[in-house]
Protein backbone atom coordinates (compact mmCIF):
# COMPACT_ATOMS: atom_id res chain seq x y z
CA UNK A 1 0.00 0.00 0.00
CA UNK A 2 0.96 3.61 0.42
CA UNK A 3 3.01 2.87 3.52
CA UNK A 4 5.11 0.44 1.50
CA UNK A 5 6.00 3.24 -0.92
CA UNK A 6 7.01 5.46 2.02
CA UNK A 7 9.09 2.67 3.55
CA UNK A 8 10.85 2.09 0.21
CA UNK A 9 11.63 5.82 0.03
CA UNK A 10 13.09 5.71 3.56
CA UNK A 11 15.19 2.63 2.73
CA UNK A 12 16.52 4.36 -0.40
CA UNK A 13 17.39 7.47 1.61
CA UNK A 14 19.22 5.48 4.28
CA UNK A 15 21.05 3.03 2.03
CA UNK A 16 21.57 4.92 -1.20
CA UNK A 17 20.14 1.92 -3.07
CA UNK A 18 18.23 2.23 -6.31
CA UNK A 19 14.48 1.71 -6.46
CA UNK A 20 14.66 -1.95 -7.54
CA UNK A 21 17.09 -2.96 -4.77
CA UNK A 22 15.27 -0.97 -2.07
CA UNK A 23 11.94 -2.53 -3.13
CA UNK A 24 13.51 -6.00 -2.98
CA UNK A 25 14.73 -5.31 0.58
CA UNK A 26 11.26 -4.16 1.66
CA UNK A 27 9.50 -7.02 -0.14
CA UNK A 28 11.86 -9.50 1.50
CA UNK A 29 11.28 -8.20 5.04
CA UNK A 30 12.49 -8.83 7.61
CA UNK A 31 15.69 -7.41 6.15
CA UNK A 32 18.93 -5.98 7.51
CA UNK A 33 19.23 -2.37 6.35
CA UNK A 34 22.54 -1.33 7.97
CA UNK A 35 25.12 -3.14 10.10
CA UNK A 36 27.98 -2.04 12.33
CA UNK A 37 26.86 1.56 12.79
CA UNK A 38 26.80 3.68 15.97
CA UNK A 39 23.66 3.40 18.12
CA UNK A 40 22.75 7.05 17.60
CA UNK A 41 22.81 6.60 13.84
CA UNK A 42 20.78 3.38 14.13
CA UNK A 43 18.19 5.16 16.29
CA UNK A 44 17.84 7.93 13.69
CA UNK A 45 17.36 5.43 10.86
CA UNK A 46 14.86 3.47 12.97
CA UNK A 47 12.89 6.67 13.57
CA UNK A 48 12.80 7.44 9.83
CA UNK A 49 11.63 3.92 9.00
CA UNK A 50 8.99 3.87 11.74
CA UNK A 51 7.64 7.24 10.62
CA UNK A 52 7.31 5.75 7.13
CA UNK A 53 5.29 2.86 8.56
CA UNK A 54 7.90 0.12 8.97
CA UNK A 55 8.35 -2.11 11.99
CA UNK A 56 11.96 -1.81 13.18
CA UNK A 57 14.09 -4.01 15.40
CA UNK A 58 17.57 -2.87 16.41
CA UNK A 59 20.08 -5.57 17.30
């Protein structure tokens, strides 16, 4: 739905991926978006994804 489009936009913004790759990540959820980043950065990305409508789990 519309939330999926927003989530794909957020994934593209965070990862720098193209539309096709970002859509594949979202379609294949649960997916790892970023690894080995500082907690503050992870929290910011999580906030962006949640605002777009995604469910986020930080590990």
